[in-house]
C-alpha atoms as a PDB file:
ATOM      1  CA  UNK A   1      94.764  74.244 104.573  1.00  0.00           C
ATOM      2  CA  UNK A   2      96.241  77.440 103.647  1.00  0.00           C
ATOM      3  CA  UNK A   3      98.917  75.961 101.894  1.00  0.00           C
ATOM      4  CA  UNK A   4      96.778  73.913  99.942  1.00  0.00           C
ATOM      5  CA  UNK A   5      94.515  76.576  98.985  1.00  0.00           C
ATOM      6  CA  UNK A   6      95.099  78.399  95.236  1.00  0.00           C
ATOM      7  CA  UNK A   7      95.111  81.454  97.575  1.00  0.00           C
ATOM      8  CA  UNK A   8      96.045  81.501 101.282  1.00  0.00           C
ATOM      9  CA  UNK A   9      94.828  84.156 103.362  1.00  0.00           C
ATOM     10  CA  UNK A  10      95.986  84.462 107.322  1.00  0.00           C
ATOM     11  CA  UNK A  11      94.066  86.656 109.994  1.00  0.00           C
ATOM     12  CA  UNK A  12      96.294  87.478 112.612  1.00  0.00           C
ATOM     13  CA  UNK A  13      94.964  87.074 116.144  1.00  0.00           C
ATOM     14  CA  UNK A  14      95.918  86.639 119.544  1.00  0.00           C
ATOM     15  CA  UNK A  15      96.237  82.613 118.768  1.00  0.00           C
ATOM     16  CA  UNK A  16      99.415  83.017 117.184  1.00  0.00           C
ATOM     17  CA  UNK A  17     100.727  84.294 113.729  1.00  0.00           C
ATOM     18  CA  UNK A  18     101.850  81.079 112.226  1.00  0.00           C
ATOM     19  CA  UNK A  19      99.382  80.868 109.588  1.00  0.00           C
ATOM     20  CA  UNK A  20      99.136  84.185 108.985  1.00  0.00           C
ATOM     21  CA  UNK A  21     103.110  83.710 107.679  1.00  0.00           C
ATOM     22  CA  UNK A  22     102.524  80.651 105.875  1.00  0.00           C
ATOM     23  CA  UNK A  23      99.493  82.580 104.016  1.00  0.00           C
ATOM     24  CA  UNK A  24      99.839  84.398 100.632  1.00  0.00           C
ATOM     25  CA  UNK A  25      98.205  87.225 102.000  1.00  0.00           C
ATOM     26  CA  UNK A  26      97.883  88.726 105.825  1.00  0.00           C
ATOM     27  CA  UNK A  27      94.478  91.141 107.224  1.00  0.00           C
ATOM     28  CA  UNK A  28      94.577  92.314 110.757  1.00  0.00           C
ATOM     29  CA  UNK A  29      90.546  91.775 111.201  1.00  0.00           C
ATOM     30  CA  UNK A  30      88.277  89.824 109.056  1.00  0.00           C
ATOM     31  CA  UNK A  31      86.174  92.801 108.221  1.00  0.00           C
ATOM     32  CA  UNK A  32      89.139  93.497 105.742  1.00  0.00           C
ATOM     33  CA  UNK A  33      88.273  90.307 104.079  1.00  0.00           C
ATOM     34  CA  UNK A  34      85.694  92.589 101.932  1.00  0.00           C
ATOM     35  CA  UNK A  35      87.707  95.386 100.544  1.00  0.00           C
ATOM     36  CA  UNK A  36      90.441  92.720 100.098  1.00  0.00           C
ATOM     37  CA  UNK A  37      87.961  90.130  97.678  1.00  0.00           C
ATOM     38  CA  UNK A  38      85.611  92.567  96.346  1.00  0.00           C
ATOM     39  CA  UNK A  39      87.820  95.411  95.542  1.00  0.00           C
ATOM     40  CA  UNK A  40      91.920  94.548  95.319  1.00  0.00           C
ATOM     41  CA  UNK A  41      90.785  90.787  94.254  1.00  0.00           C
ATOM     42  CA  UNK A  42      88.923  92.314  91.281  1.00  0.00           C
ATOM     43  CA  UNK A  43      91.261  95.027  90.589  1.00  0.00           C
ATOM     44  CA  UNK A  44      94.243  92.173  90.168  1.00  0.00           C
ATOM     45  CA  UNK A  45      92.172  90.102  88.090  1.00  0.00           C
ATOM     46  CA  UNK A  46      91.616  93.326  85.699  1.00  0.00           C
ATOM     47  CA  UNK A  47      94.788  94.347  85.923  1.00  0.00           C
ATOM     48  CA  UNK A  48      96.335  90.511  85.574  1.00  0.00           C
ATOM     49  CA  UNK A  49      94.025  89.229  82.354  1.00  0.00           C
ATOM     50  CA  UNK A  50      95.236  93.129  80.067  1.00  0.00           C
ATOM     51  CA  UNK A  51      98.799  92.477  81.228  1.00  0.00           C
ATOM     52  CA  UNK A  52      99.441  89.044  79.979  1.00  0.00           C
ATOM     53  CA  UNK A  53      97.464  88.925  76.749  1.00  0.00           C
ATOM     54  CA  UNK A  54      98.303  92.650  75.817  1.00  0.00           C
ATOM     55  CA  UNK A  55     102.090  91.642  76.109  1.00  0.00           C
ATOM     56  CA  UNK A  56     101.311  88.723  73.852  1.00  0.00           C
ATOM     57  CA  UNK A  57      99.219  90.681  71.197  1.00  0.00           C
ATOM     58  CA  UNK A  58     102.171  93.292  71.465  1.00  0.00           C
ATOM     59  CA  UNK A  59     104.378  90.654  70.810  1.00  0.00           C
ATOM     60  CA  UNK A  60     102.495  89.208  67.907  1.00  0.00           C
ATOM     61  CA  UNK A  61     102.749  92.606  66.373  1.00  0.00           C
ATOM     62  CA  UNK A  62     105.998  92.946  66.784  1.00  0.00           C
ATOM     63  CA  UNK A  63     107.471  89.405  65.570  1.00  0.00           C
ATOM     64  CA  UNK A  64     104.274  88.655  61.978  1.00  0.00           C
ATOM     65  CA  UNK A  65     105.570  91.326  60.050  1.00  0.00           C
ATOM     66  CA  UNK A  66     109.197  90.024  60.578  1.00  0.00           C
ATOM     67  CA  UNK A  67     107.629  86.527  59.052  1.00  0.00           C
ATOM     68  CA  UNK A  68     105.700  88.247  56.310  1.00  0.00           C
ATOM     69  CA  UNK A  69     108.840  89.681  55.648  1.00  0.00           C
ATOM     70  CA  UNK A  70     110.950  86.713  54.677  1.00  0.00           C
ATOM     71  CA  UNK A  71     108.618  86.019  52.243  1.00  0.00           C
ATOM     72  CA  UNK A  72     109.616  89.524  49.946  1.00  0.00           C
ATOM     73  CA  UNK A  73     113.627  88.771  50.855  1.00  0.00           C
ATOM     74  CA  UNK A  74     114.089  85.576  49.607  1.00  0.00           C
ATOM     75  CA  UNK A  75     114.345  84.183  53.258  1.00  0.00           C
ATOM     76  CA  UNK A  76     117.630  85.452  53.768  1.00  0.00           C
ATOM     77  CA  UNK A  77     116.998  86.024  57.094  1.00  0.00           C
ATOM     78  CA  UNK A  78     117.337  89.906  56.258  1.00  0.00           C
ATOM     79  CA  UNK A  79     116.022  91.642  59.530  1.00  0.00           C
ATOM     80  CA  UNK A  80     113.010  94.066  59.082  1.00  0.00           C
ATOM     81  CA  UNK A  81     114.004  96.111  61.888  1.00  0.00           C
ATOM     82  CA  UNK A  82     116.963  97.842  62.874  1.00  0.00           C
ATOM     83  CA  UNK A  83     119.274  95.921  65.960  1.00  0.00           C
ATOM     84  CA  UNK A  84     118.451  98.774  68.107  1.00  0.00           C
ATOM     85  CA  UNK A  85     114.812  98.347  67.566  1.00  0.00           C
ATOM     86  CA  UNK A  86     114.517  95.215  68.380  1.00  0.00           C
ATOM     87  CA  UNK A  87     116.501  95.304  71.599  1.00  0.00           C
ATOM     88  CA  UNK A  88     114.321  98.184  72.815  1.00  0.00           C
ATOM     89  CA  UNK A  89     110.725  97.297  72.137  1.00  0.00           C
ATOM     90  CA  UNK A  90     110.009  95.013  74.965  1.00  0.00           C
ATOM     91  CA  UNK A  91     112.405  97.081  77.141  1.00  0.00           C
ATOM     92  CA  UNK A  92     111.687 100.718  76.571  1.00  0.00           C
ATOM     93  CA  UNK A  93     109.084 101.655  73.886  1.00  0.00           C
ATOM     94  CA  UNK A  94     106.091  99.413  75.312  1.00  0.00           C
ATOM     95  CA  UNK A  95     107.142  98.112  78.200  1.00  0.00           C
ATOM     96  CA  UNK A  96     106.649 100.816  80.815  1.00  0.00           C
ATOM     97  CA  UNK A  97     103.075 101.725  79.753  1.00  0.00           C
ATOM     98  CA  UNK A  98     101.803  98.288  80.690  1.00  0.00           C
ATOM     99  CA  UNK A  99     103.327  97.767  83.718  1.00  0.00           C
ATOM    100  CA  UNK A 100     102.027 100.999  85.037  1.00  0.00           C
ATOM    101  CA  UNK A 101      98.535 100.245  83.822  1.00  0.00           C
ATOM    102  CA  UNK A 102      98.955  96.674  86.086  1.00  0.00           C
ATOM    103  CA  UNK A 103      99.818  98.665  88.816  1.00  0.00           C
ATOM    104  CA  UNK A 104      97.333 101.734  88.777  1.00  0.00           C
ATOM    105  CA  UNK A 105      94.211 100.431  86.963  1.00  0.00           C
ATOM    106  CA  UNK A 106      90.942 101.095  88.481  1.00  0.00           C
ATOM    107  CA  UNK A 107      88.151 100.735  85.813  1.00  0.00           C
ATOM    108  CA  UNK A 108      85.401 101.409  88.199  1.00  0.00           C
ATOM    109  CA  UNK A 109      85.225 103.137  91.274  1.00  0.00           C
ATOM    110  CA  UNK A 110      86.577 101.912  95.098  1.00  0.00           C
ATOM    111  CA  UNK A 111      83.631 102.306  96.640  1.00  0.00           C
ATOM    112  CA  UNK A 112      81.063 101.136  93.705  1.00  0.00           C
ATOM    113  CA  UNK A 113      82.741  97.882  93.988  1.00  0.00           C
ATOM    114  CA  UNK A 114      82.329  97.590  97.899  1.00  0.00           C
ATOM    115  CA  UNK A 115      78.544  98.692  97.760  1.00  0.00           C
ATOM    116  CA  UNK A 116      77.952  96.000  94.632  1.00  0.00           C
ATOM    117  CA  UNK A 117      79.106  92.649  95.078  1.00  0.00           C
ATOM    118  CA  UNK A 118      77.044  91.446  91.731  1.00  0.00           C
ATOM    119  CA  UNK A 119      79.698  93.150  90.262  1.00  0.00           C
ATOM    120  CA  UNK A 120      82.394  90.393  90.994  1.00  0.00           C
ATOM    121  CA  UNK A 121      80.241  88.264  88.255  1.00  0.00           C
ATOM    122  CA  UNK A 122      81.423  90.201  86.093  1.00  0.00           C
ATOM    123  CA  UNK A 123      85.112  88.340  86.335  1.00  0.00           C
ATOM    124  CA  UNK A 124      83.942  85.354  87.574  1.00  0.00           C
ATOM    125  CA  UNK A 125      85.207  81.695  86.804  1.00  0.00           C
ATOM    126  CA  UNK A 126      88.418  83.042  85.154  1.00  0.00           C
ATOM    127  CA  UNK A 127      86.143  84.666  82.312  1.00  0.00           C
ATOM    128  CA  UNK A 128      88.618  87.645  80.902  1.00  0.00           C
ATOM    129  CA  UNK A 129      91.258  84.586  80.425  1.00  0.00           C
ATOM    130  CA  UNK A 130      89.498  82.382  78.702  1.00  0.00           C
ATOM    131  CA  UNK A 131      90.405  80.544  74.971  1.00  0.00           C
ATOM    132  CA  UNK A 132      87.647  83.103  73.070  1.00  0.00           C
ATOM    133  CA  UNK A 133      89.024  86.166  74.899  1.00  0.00           C
ATOM    134  CA  UNK A 134      93.002  84.632  73.937  1.00  0.00           C
ATOM    135  CA  UNK A 135      91.839  83.870  70.669  1.00  0.00           C
ATOM    136  CA  UNK A 136      90.505  87.593  69.686  1.00  0.00           C
ATOM    137  CA  UNK A 137      93.397  89.608  71.139  1.00  0.00           C
ATOM    138  CA  UNK A 138      95.804  86.610  68.930  1.00  0.00           C
ATOM    139  CA  UNK A 139      93.737  87.464  65.686  1.00  0.00           C
ATOM    140  CA  UNK A 140      93.429  91.596  66.457  1.00  0.00           C
ATOM    141  CA  UNK A 141      97.262  90.743  66.739  1.00  0.00           C
ATOM    142  CA  UNK A 142      97.511  89.272  63.658  1.00  0.00           C
ATOM    143  CA  UNK A 143      95.137  92.145  62.092  1.00  0.00           C
ATOM    144  CA  UNK A 144      97.553  94.717  63.263  1.00  0.00           C
ATOM    145  CA  UNK A 145     100.452  93.587  61.595  1.00  0.00           C
ATOM    146  CA  UNK A 146      98.828  92.285  58.474  1.00  0.00           C
ATOM    147  CA  UNK A 147      97.994  96.308  58.056  1.00  0.00           C
ATOM    148  CA  UNK A 148     101.405  97.182  58.977  1.00  0.00           C
ATOM    149  CA  UNK A 149     103.323  95.477  56.603  1.00  0.00           C
ATOM    150  CA  UNK A 150     100.651  95.030  54.150  1.00  0.00           C
ATOM    151  CA  UNK A 151     100.202  98.888  54.231  1.00  0.00           C
ATOM    152  CA  UNK A 152     103.315 100.035  54.455  1.00  0.00           C
ATOM    153  CA  UNK A 153     104.009  97.614  51.345  1.00  0.00           C
ATOM    154  CA  UNK A 154     101.543  99.136  49.229  1.00  0.00           C
ATOM    155  CA  UNK A 155     102.074 102.379  49.818  1.00  0.00           C
ATOM    156  CA  UNK A 156     105.841 102.366  50.249  1.00  0.00           C
ATOM    157  CA  UNK A 157     105.526 100.518  46.566  1.00  0.00           C
ATOM    158  CA  UNK A 158     103.974 103.993  45.382  1.00  0.00           C
ATOM    159  CA  UNK A 159     105.833 105.927  43.133  1.00  0.00           C
ATOM    160  CA  UNK A 160     104.145 109.327  44.784  1.00  0.00           C
ATOM    161  CA  UNK A 161     105.981 108.309  48.411  1.00  0.00           C
ATOM    162  CA  UNK A 162     109.230 106.908  47.015  1.00  0.00           C
ATOM    163  CA  UNK A 163     109.844 110.188  44.779  1.00  0.00           C
ATOM    164  CA  UNK A 164     108.726 112.496  47.803  1.00  0.00           C
ATOM    165  CA  UNK A 165     106.870 114.588  45.927  1.00  0.00           C
ATOM    166  CA  UNK A 166     108.981 115.272  43.477  1.00  0.00           C
ATOM    167  CA  UNK A 167     110.098 114.347  40.093  1.00  0.00           C
ATOM    168  CA  UNK A 168     111.926 110.495  40.582  1.00  0.00           C
ATOM    169  CA  UNK A 169     115.562 110.023  40.234  1.00  0.00           C
ATOM    170  CA  UNK A 170     117.507 107.064  41.270  1.00  0.00           C
ATOM    171  CA  UNK A 171     119.123 108.809  44.130  1.00  0.00           C
ATOM    172  CA  UNK A 172     116.021 109.965  45.358  1.00  0.00           C
ATOM    173  CA  UNK A 173     114.487 105.927  44.855  1.00  0.00           C
ATOM    174  CA  UNK A 174     118.005 104.530  46.683  1.00  0.00           C
ATOM    175  CA  UNK A 175     116.978 107.205  49.614  1.00  0.00           C
ATOM    176  CA  UNK A 176     114.206 104.299  50.458  1.00  0.00           C
ATOM    177  CA  UNK A 177     115.261 101.224  50.971  1.00  0.00           C
ATOM    178  CA  UNK A 178     114.768  98.309  52.973  1.00  0.00           C
ATOM    179  CA  UNK A 179     115.590 100.202  56.645  1.00  0.00           C
ATOM    180  CA  UNK A 180     113.465 102.843  55.996  1.00  0.00           C
ATOM    181  CA  UNK A 181     110.424 100.190  55.244  1.00  0.00           C
ATOM    182  CA  UNK A 182     111.286  98.567  58.433  1.00  0.00           C
ATOM    183  CA  UNK A 183     111.424 101.481  59.759  1.00  0.00           C
ATOM    184  CA  UNK A 184     108.187 102.840  58.797  1.00  0.00           C
ATOM    185  CA  UNK A 185     106.468  99.689  59.829  1.00  0.00           C
ATOM    186  CA  UNK A 186     108.172  99.863  63.319  1.00  0.00           C
ATOM    187  CA  UNK A 187     107.244 103.434  63.334  1.00  0.00           C
ATOM    188  CA  UNK A 188     103.391 102.205  62.860  1.00  0.00           C
ATOM    189  CA  UNK A 189     103.978  99.402  65.520  1.00  0.00           C
ATOM    190  CA  UNK A 190     104.861 101.576  68.246  1.00  0.00           C
ATOM    191  CA  UNK A 191     102.515 104.287  68.378  1.00  0.00           C
ATOM    192  CA  UNK A 192      99.513 101.325  67.457  1.00  0.00           C
ATOM    193  CA  UNK A 193     100.164  99.093  70.000  1.00  0.00           C
ATOM    194  CA  UNK A 194     100.657 102.115  72.424  1.00  0.00           C
ATOM    195  CA  UNK A 195      96.602 103.553  71.580  1.00  0.00           C
ATOM    196  CA  UNK A 196      95.256 100.310  71.727  1.00  0.00           C
ATOM    197  CA  UNK A 197      96.460 100.728  75.516  1.00  0.00           C
ATOM    198  CA  UNK A 198      95.177 103.529  75.842  1.00  0.00           C
ATOM    199  CA  UNK A 199      91.998 102.741  74.492  1.00  0.00           C
ATOM    200  CA  UNK A 200      91.723 100.033  77.334  1.00  0.00           C
ATOM    201  CA  UNK A 201      92.461 102.486  80.121  1.00  0.00           C
ATOM    202  CA  UNK A 202      90.045 103.985  82.723  1.00  0.00           C
ATOM    203  CA  UNK A 203      91.613 105.566  85.281  1.00  0.00           C
ATOM    204  CA  UNK A 204      94.091 108.748  84.050  1.00  0.00           C
ATOM    205  CA  UNK A 205      96.571 110.005  86.445  1.00  0.00           C
ATOM    206  CA  UNK A 206      99.298 112.576  85.939  1.00  0.00           C
ATOM    207  CA  UNK A 207     101.984 109.547  85.629  1.00  0.00           C
ATOM    208  CA  UNK A 208      99.739 107.810  83.009  1.00  0.00           C
ATOM    209  CA  UNK A 209      99.664 110.637  80.264  1.00  0.00           C
ATOM    210  CA  UNK A 210     103.833 111.064  81.566  1.00  0.00           C
ATOM    211  CA  UNK A 211     104.355 107.432  81.102  1.00  0.00           C
ATOM    212  CA  UNK A 212     102.678 106.867  77.549  1.00  0.00           C
ATOM    213  CA  UNK A 213     103.338 110.097  76.061  1.00  0.00           C
ATOM    214  CA  UNK A 214     106.567 110.113  77.733  1.00  0.00           C
ATOM    215  CA  UNK A 215     107.213 106.408  75.554  1.00  0.00           C
ATOM    216  CA  UNK A 216     106.268 107.837  72.468  1.00  0.00           C
ATOM    217  CA  UNK A 217     108.456 110.968  72.887  1.00  0.00           C
ATOM    218  CA  UNK A 218     111.392 108.808  74.082  1.00  0.00           C
ATOM    219  CA  UNK A 219     111.253 106.714  70.787  1.00  0.00           C
ATOM    220  CA  UNK A 220     110.765 109.698  68.674  1.00  0.00           C
ATOM    221  CA  UNK A 221     113.977 111.061  70.086  1.00  0.00           C
ATOM    222  CA  UNK A 222     115.947 108.030  70.221  1.00  0.00           C
ATOM    223  CA  UNK A 223     114.718 107.281  66.400  1.00  0.00           C
ATOM    224  CA  UNK A 224     116.289 111.238  65.451  1.00  0.00           C
ATOM    225  CA  UNK A 225     119.426 110.747  67.478  1.00  0.00           C
ATOM    226  CA  UNK A 226     120.336 107.082  66.586  1.00  0.00           C
ATOM    227  CA  UNK A 227     120.342 108.221  63.164  1.00  0.00           C
ATOM    228  CA  UNK A 228     121.041 111.657  62.645  1.00  0.00           C
ATOM    229  CA  UNK A 229     124.555 111.443  64.654  1.00  0.00           C
ATOM    230  CA  UNK A 230     127.313 109.289  63.400  1.00  0.00           C
ATOM    231  CA  UNK A 231     128.347 107.554  66.384  1.00  0.00           C
ATOM    232  CA  UNK A 232     132.083 107.054  66.625  1.00  0.00           C
ATOM    233  CA  UNK A 233     131.620 103.078  68.509  1.00  0.00           C
ATOM    234  CA  UNK A 234     129.911 101.821  65.495  1.00  0.00           C
ATOM    235  CA  UNK A 235     131.884 100.067  62.511  1.00  0.00           C
ATOM    236  CA  UNK A 236     128.859 100.515  60.466  1.00  0.00           C
ATOM    237  CA  UNK A 237     126.073 102.816  60.698  1.00  0.00           C
ATOM    238  CA  UNK A 238     122.789 101.458  58.532  1.00  0.00           C
ATOM    239  CA  UNK A 239     120.432 103.588  60.160  1.00  0.00           C
ATOM    240  CA  UNK A 240     122.042 107.265  59.461  1.00  0.00           C
ATOM    241  CA  UNK A 241     119.596 109.906  58.713  1.00  0.00           C
ATOM    242  CA  UNK A 242     116.801 107.228  57.686  1.00  0.00           C
ATOM    243  CA  UNK A 243     114.437 108.396  60.204  1.00  0.00           C
ATOM    244  CA  UNK A 244     114.896 111.932  59.277  1.00  0.00           C
ATOM    245  CA  UNK A 245     114.606 111.340  55.529  1.00  0.00           C
ATOM    246  CA  UNK A 246     111.285 109.041  56.142  1.00  0.00           C
ATOM    247  CA  UNK A 247     109.651 111.754  58.223  1.00  0.00           C
ATOM    248  CA  UNK A 248     111.100 114.336  55.336  1.00  0.00           C
ATOM    249  CA  UNK A 249     108.065 112.641  53.049  1.00  0.00           C
ATOM    250  CA  UNK A 250     104.331 113.875  53.484  1.00  0.00           C
ATOM    251  CA  UNK A 251     102.638 110.498  52.306  1.00  0.00           C
ATOM    252  CA  UNK A 252     104.912 109.200  54.924  1.00  0.00           C
ATOM    253  CA  UNK A 253     102.876 111.143  57.524  1.00  0.00           C
ATOM    254  CA  UNK A 254      99.567 110.379  56.041  1.00  0.00           C
ATOM    255  CA  UNK A 255     100.543 106.840  55.943  1.00  0.00           C
ATOM    256  CA  UNK A 256     101.554 106.444  59.307  1.00  0.00           C
ATOM    257  CA  UNK A 257      98.329 107.849  60.484  1.00  0.00           C
ATOM    258  CA  UNK A 258      96.458 106.138  57.788  1.00  0.00           C
ATOM    259  CA  UNK A 259      97.844 102.756  58.842  1.00  0.00           C
ATOM    260  CA  UNK A 260      97.534 103.602  62.904  1.00  0.00           C
ATOM    261  CA  UNK A 261      93.705 104.630  62.490  1.00  0.00           C
ATOM    262  CA  UNK A 262      93.062 101.265  60.287  1.00  0.00           C
ATOM    263  CA  UNK A 263      94.457  99.333  62.927  1.00  0.00           C
ATOM    264  CA  UNK A 264      92.905 100.604  65.943  1.00  0.00           C
ATOM    265  CA  UNK A 265      89.352 100.755  64.430  1.00  0.00           C
ATOM    266  CA  UNK A 266      88.197  96.937  64.631  1.00  0.00           C
ATOM    267  CA  UNK A 267      88.885  96.991  68.552  1.00  0.00           C
ATOM    268  CA  UNK A 268      87.015 100.328  68.541  1.00  0.00           C
ATOM    269  CA  UNK A 269      84.128  99.025  66.681  1.00  0.00           C
ATOM    270  CA  UNK A 270      83.778  96.089  68.591  1.00  0.00           C
ATOM    271  CA  UNK A 271      83.969  97.977  71.647  1.00  0.00           C
ATOM    272  CA  UNK A 272      80.862  99.988  70.627  1.00  0.00           C
ATOM    273  CA  UNK A 273      78.858  97.521  69.181  1.00  0.00           C
ATOM    274  CA  UNK A 274      79.771  95.201  72.808  1.00  0.00           C
ATOM    275  CA  UNK A 275      78.952  98.037  74.958  1.00  0.00           C
ATOM    276  CA  UNK A 276      75.652  99.117  72.896  1.00  0.00           C
ATOM    277  CA  UNK A 277      74.334  95.597  72.400  1.00  0.00           C
ATOM    278  CA  UNK A 278      75.515  92.979  74.733  1.00  0.00           C
ATOM    279  CA  UNK A 279      76.740  95.706  77.592  1.00  0.00           C
ATOM    280  CA  UNK A 280      78.136  93.699  81.161  1.00  0.00           C
ATOM    281  CA  UNK A 281      77.408  94.822  84.972  1.00  0.00           C
ATOM    282  CA  UNK A 282      80.224  96.870  85.288  1.00  0.00           C
ATOM    283  CA  UNK A 283      80.436  99.135  81.300  1.00  0.00           C
ATOM    284  CA  UNK A 284      76.504 100.100  82.526  1.00  0.00           C
ATOM    285  CA  UNK A 285      77.898 101.568  85.427  1.00  0.00           C
ATOM    286  CA  UNK A 286      80.332 102.904  83.556  1.00  0.00           C
ATOM    287  CA  UNK A 287      78.390 104.622  81.296  1.00  0.00           C
ATOM    288  CA  UNK A 288      75.769 105.936  83.723  1.00  0.00           C
ATOM    289  CA  UNK A 289      78.907 107.120  85.754  1.00  0.00           C
ATOM    290  CA  UNK A 290      80.072 109.253  82.216  1.00  0.00           C
ATOM    291  CA  UNK A 291      76.147 110.373  82.042  1.00  0.00           C
ATOM    292  CA  UNK A 292      75.802 111.754  85.422  1.00  0.00           C
ATOM    293  CA  UNK A 293      79.213 113.440  85.340  1.00  0.00           C
ATOM    294  CA  UNK A 294      77.998 115.411  82.149  1.00  0.00           C
ATOM    295  CA  UNK A 295      74.354 116.370  83.514  1.00  0.00           C
ATOM    296  CA  UNK A 296      75.858 118.804  85.829  1.00  0.00           C
ATOM    297  CA  UNK A 297      76.934 120.898  83.198  1.00  0.00           C
ATOM    298  CA  UNK A 298      73.523 120.510  81.233  1.00  0.00           C
ATOM    299  CA  UNK A 299      71.403 121.865  83.971  1.00  0.00           C
ATOM    300  CA  UNK A 300      73.876 124.532  84.202  1.00  0.00           C
ATOM    301  CA  UNK A 301      73.672 125.783  81.364  1.00  0.00           C
ATOM    302  CA  UNK A 302      70.208 125.637  80.505  1.00  0.00           C
ATOM    303  CA  UNK A 303      69.625 127.292  84.048  1.00  0.00           C
ATOM    304  CA  UNK A 304      71.550 130.243  83.094  1.00  0.00           C
ATOM    305  CA  UNK A 305      69.757 130.501  79.818  1.00  0.00           C
ATOM    306  CA  UNK A 306      66.649 130.767  82.134  1.00  0.00           C
ATOM    307  CA  UNK A 307      68.284 133.812  84.090  1.00  0.00           C
ATOM    308  CA  UNK A 308      69.462 135.496  80.497  1.00  0.00           C
ATOM    309  CA  UNK A 309      65.695 135.196  79.485  1.00  0.00           C
END
């Protein structure tokens, strides 16, 4: 029976431990089954659904600009990103935040999940891994990729950007080439997909802050070192001074901020509208908890005012 079930749960009792050994999960007492299903099962589904779809989303954002770039480079197979960026994107720049999310996220308190079993209806019938949700993540990834690529392409083609606020010369124009364009797109990419996970995170600890902001800092520091030092073991170094040259331009900073904001705006609007018009039971509890958390400070302010009078 345990082997045929989707998830086998065994209870270690006096009659033997063969069932517990053959099960996926084992518990010492039957009363632990409630917490296992309503709390850990709930958390596991939320975490794994976000993990699967976020990985797909961030790789759509990563690959689709490279696909679009082929239409502008004569299908010459010229890469948009540097080799180091291609290698470290899924290894170092964006992997740790979602890994920590899948281990620690708690979108609602444990005690509330144990006391209210009806909250399990919000994730029942595999609702977070259905085709409409998958299509939404895919379209969001395609939209963000198009904003990154065509937004950077439009700003990159602007004379005020290429001249860096100065008179345009041939040398200055040569400084902003293919690798600067790819670096600009990649910078917006890393920050956008990381901030998307920030918007979805409800449970914040010092570890979350360290990993998320640390990943962004590591990307910036790596780019500065990778392009700021002449490495003796490289035969050629096409990224030398590219990142610093890009950040030396004021319009480049403005374009990065604008593109990140434009990429995150549809998801923020969707979250606000859905929470206002069609909130789930879990979202209602989250809103009520935030209101209750803000009420004590309001009451304290009113009391202090009365005392002053």
